[in-house]
Amino acid sequence: MLVIKIELWPGGHESKARVIGKAVIVNQAVATLLSDGAVGDYRCELRGGTATGNPDYLWKTARLKNFDRRRGGVWDMLYLLLHKAVGARNRGLRDAEEK
């Protein structure tokens, strides 16, 4: 299991950090076992990051099948899962700094 936490550090002070969101990524294991570790199927839960203020609130889920673990790393996996979970929602935000 991978857990990616997003923390808010008020005023840049780590001692005051609080988790405002997290991604929990779980390997579903079957594809990994059948492929001798070459590919994996993953389920992701995006938690928090909403107006509720609850970092454990289940906001979105996504699945990634047949991820080639020999070609992609953890950041590639996270990108693909985020794109599946919230990609369409963010079409208007894409390339905001280029406008």
C-alpha atoms as a PDB file:
ATOM      1  CA  MET A   1       0.000   0.000   0.000  1.00  0.00           C
ATOM      2  CA  LEU A   2       1.174   3.482  -0.842  1.00  0.00           C
ATOM      3  CA  VAL A   3      -0.047   6.544   1.042  1.00  0.00           C
ATOM      4  CA  ILE A   4       0.629  10.022  -0.286  1.00  0.00           C
ATOM      5  CA  LYS A   5      -0.209  12.771   2.186  1.00  0.00           C
ATOM      6  CA  ILE A   6      -0.811  16.421   1.450  1.00  0.00           C
ATOM      7  CA  GLU A   7       0.032  18.551   4.440  1.00  0.00           C
ATOM      8  CA  LEU A   8      -0.626  22.192   5.150  1.00  0.00           C
ATOM      9  CA  TRP A   9       2.245  23.882   7.012  1.00  0.00           C
ATOM     10  CA  PRO A  10       0.839  27.178   8.354  1.00  0.00           C
ATOM     11  CA  GLY A  11       3.444  29.891   7.942  1.00  0.00           C
ATOM     12  CA  GLY A  12       5.884  27.249   6.690  1.00  0.00           C
ATOM     13  CA  HIS A  13       6.126  25.654  10.140  1.00  0.00           C
ATOM     14  CA  GLU A  14       6.354  21.876   9.945  1.00  0.00           C
ATOM     15  CA  SER A  15       5.576  21.646  13.666  1.00  0.00           C
ATOM     16  CA  LYS A  16       2.072  22.965  12.904  1.00  0.00           C
ATOM     17  CA  ALA A  17       1.478  20.602   9.976  1.00  0.00           C
ATOM     18  CA  ARG A  18      -1.897  19.011   9.436  1.00  0.00           C
ATOM     19  CA  VAL A  19      -3.007  16.525   6.795  1.00  0.00           C
ATOM     20  CA  ILE A  20      -5.614  17.996   4.446  1.00  0.00           C
ATOM     21  CA  GLY A  21      -5.697  15.197   1.873  1.00  0.00           C
ATOM     22  CA  LYS A  22      -4.261  11.839   0.996  1.00  0.00           C
ATOM     23  CA  ALA A  23      -4.191   9.234  -1.723  1.00  0.00           C
ATOM     24  CA  VAL A  24      -4.265   5.597  -0.651  1.00  0.00           C
ATOM     25  CA  ILE A  25      -3.113   3.236  -3.423  1.00  0.00           C
ATOM     26  CA  VAL A  26      -3.549  -0.516  -3.033  1.00  0.00           C
ATOM     27  CA  ASN A  27      -2.081  -3.182  -5.325  1.00  0.00           C
ATOM     28  CA  GLN A  28      -4.851  -5.657  -6.128  1.00  0.00           C
ATOM     29  CA  ALA A  29      -2.114  -8.382  -6.309  1.00  0.00           C
ATOM     30  CA  VAL A  30      -3.591 -10.807  -8.872  1.00  0.00           C
ATOM     31  CA  ALA A  31      -2.016  -9.202 -11.966  1.00  0.00           C
ATOM     32  CA  THR A  32       1.283  -8.773 -10.140  1.00  0.00           C
ATOM     33  CA  LEU A  33       1.369 -12.438  -9.177  1.00  0.00           C
ATOM     34  CA  LEU A  34       0.299 -13.682 -12.615  1.00  0.00           C
ATOM     35  CA  SER A  35       2.859 -11.492 -14.418  1.00  0.00           C
ATOM     36  CA  ASP A  36       5.744 -12.270 -12.067  1.00  0.00           C
ATOM     37  CA  GLY A  37       5.759  -8.616 -10.982  1.00  0.00           C
ATOM     38  CA  ALA A  38       5.759  -7.059 -14.459  1.00  0.00           C
ATOM     39  CA  VAL A  39       2.340  -5.383 -14.245  1.00  0.00           C
ATOM     40  CA  GLY A  40      -0.050  -4.410 -11.518  1.00  0.00           C
ATOM     41  CA  ASP A  41      -3.675  -3.502 -11.002  1.00  0.00           C
ATOM     42  CA  TYR A  42      -4.275  -0.726  -8.497  1.00  0.00           C
ATOM     43  CA  ARG A  43      -7.168   0.857  -6.657  1.00  0.00           C
ATOM     44  CA  CYS A  44      -6.853   4.418  -5.403  1.00  0.00           C
ATOM     45  CA  GLU A  45      -8.895   6.338  -2.857  1.00  0.00           C
ATOM     46  CA  LEU A  46      -8.583  10.108  -2.733  1.00  0.00           C
ATOM     47  CA  ARG A  47      -9.468  11.330   0.733  1.00  0.00           C
ATOM     48  CA  GLY A  48     -10.000  14.813   2.159  1.00  0.00           C
ATOM     49  CA  GLY A  49      -9.265  17.946   0.167  1.00  0.00           C
ATOM     50  CA  THR A  50     -12.888  19.072   0.336  1.00  0.00           C
ATOM     51  CA  ALA A  51     -14.914  21.718   2.117  1.00  0.00           C
ATOM     52  CA  THR A  52     -15.739  19.191   4.848  1.00  0.00           C
ATOM     53  CA  GLY A  53     -12.254  19.657   6.309  1.00  0.00           C
ATOM     54  CA  ASN A  54     -12.168  15.941   7.115  1.00  0.00           C
ATOM     55  CA  PRO A  55      -8.911  14.407   5.756  1.00  0.00           C
ATOM     56  CA  ASP A  56     -10.463  10.919   5.919  1.00  0.00           C
ATOM     57  CA  TYR A  57     -13.538  11.798   3.829  1.00  0.00           C
ATOM     58  CA  LEU A  58     -13.657   9.531   0.751  1.00  0.00           C
ATOM     59  CA  TRP A  59     -13.864  11.954  -2.162  1.00  0.00           C
ATOM     60  CA  LYS A  60     -13.030   9.950  -5.327  1.00  0.00           C
ATOM     61  CA  THR A  61     -11.867   6.492  -6.342  1.00  0.00           C
ATOM     62  CA  ALA A  62     -10.047   5.205  -9.417  1.00  0.00           C
ATOM     63  CA  ARG A  63      -8.666   1.959 -10.788  1.00  0.00           C
ATOM     64  CA  LEU A  64      -5.608   1.380 -12.940  1.00  0.00           C
ATOM     65  CA  LYS A  65      -5.281  -1.952 -14.730  1.00  0.00           C
ATOM     66  CA  ASN A  66      -2.190  -3.520 -16.284  1.00  0.00           C
ATOM     67  CA  PHE A  67       0.226  -0.787 -15.200  1.00  0.00           C
ATOM     68  CA  ASP A  68       3.639  -1.741 -16.596  1.00  0.00           C
ATOM     69  CA  ARG A  69       5.856  -1.568 -13.521  1.00  0.00           C
ATOM     70  CA  ARG A  70       9.010  -2.021 -15.644  1.00  0.00           C
ATOM     71  CA  ARG A  71       8.373   1.177 -17.611  1.00  0.00           C
ATOM     72  CA  GLY A  72       6.594   3.462 -15.164  1.00  0.00           C
ATOM     73  CA  GLY A  73       7.445   4.622 -11.704  1.00  0.00           C
ATOM     74  CA  VAL A  74       5.411   5.725  -8.734  1.00  0.00           C
ATOM     75  CA  TRP A  75       4.895   9.270 -10.090  1.00  0.00           C
ATOM     76  CA  ASP A  76       3.618   7.852 -13.390  1.00  0.00           C
ATOM     77  CA  MET A  77       1.174   5.652 -11.483  1.00  0.00           C
ATOM     78  CA  LEU A  78      -0.024   8.572  -9.369  1.00  0.00           C
ATOM     79  CA  TYR A  79      -0.481  10.759 -12.459  1.00  0.00           C
ATOM     80  CA  LEU A  80      -2.556   8.092 -14.221  1.00  0.00           C
ATOM     81  CA  LEU A  81      -4.722   7.475 -11.162  1.00  0.00           C
ATOM     82  CA  LEU A  82      -5.291  11.205 -10.628  1.00  0.00           C
ATOM     83  CA  HIS A  83      -6.140  11.628 -14.293  1.00  0.00           C
ATOM     84  CA  LYS A  84      -8.708   8.814 -14.055  1.00  0.00           C
ATOM     85  CA  ALA A  85     -10.208  10.183 -10.843  1.00  0.00           C
ATOM     86  CA  VAL A  86     -10.346  13.916 -11.558  1.00  0.00           C
ATOM     87  CA  GLY A  87      -9.045  14.534 -15.080  1.00  0.00           C
ATOM     88  CA  ALA A  88     -12.336  15.531 -16.676  1.00  0.00           C
ATOM     89  CA  ARG A  89     -13.150  17.825 -13.757  1.00  0.00           C
ATOM     90  CA  ASN A  90      -9.977  19.826 -14.377  1.00  0.00           C
ATOM     91  CA  ARG A  91     -10.191  20.493 -18.115  1.00  0.00           C
ATOM     92  CA  GLY A  92     -10.787  24.198 -17.475  1.00  0.00           C
ATOM     93  CA  LEU A  93      -7.807  24.412 -15.133  1.00  0.00           C
ATOM     94  CA  ARG A  94      -5.274  22.837 -17.480  1.00  0.00           C
ATOM     95  CA  ASP A  95      -2.504  25.141 -18.625  1.00  0.00           C
ATOM     96  CA  ALA A  96      -3.845  28.019 -16.512  1.00  0.00           C
ATOM     97  CA  GLU A  97      -0.408  29.618 -16.311  1.00  0.00           C
ATOM     98  CA  GLU A  98      -0.121  29.705 -20.112  1.00  0.00           C
ATOM     99  CA  LYS A  99      -3.217  31.886 -20.512  1.00  0.00           C
END
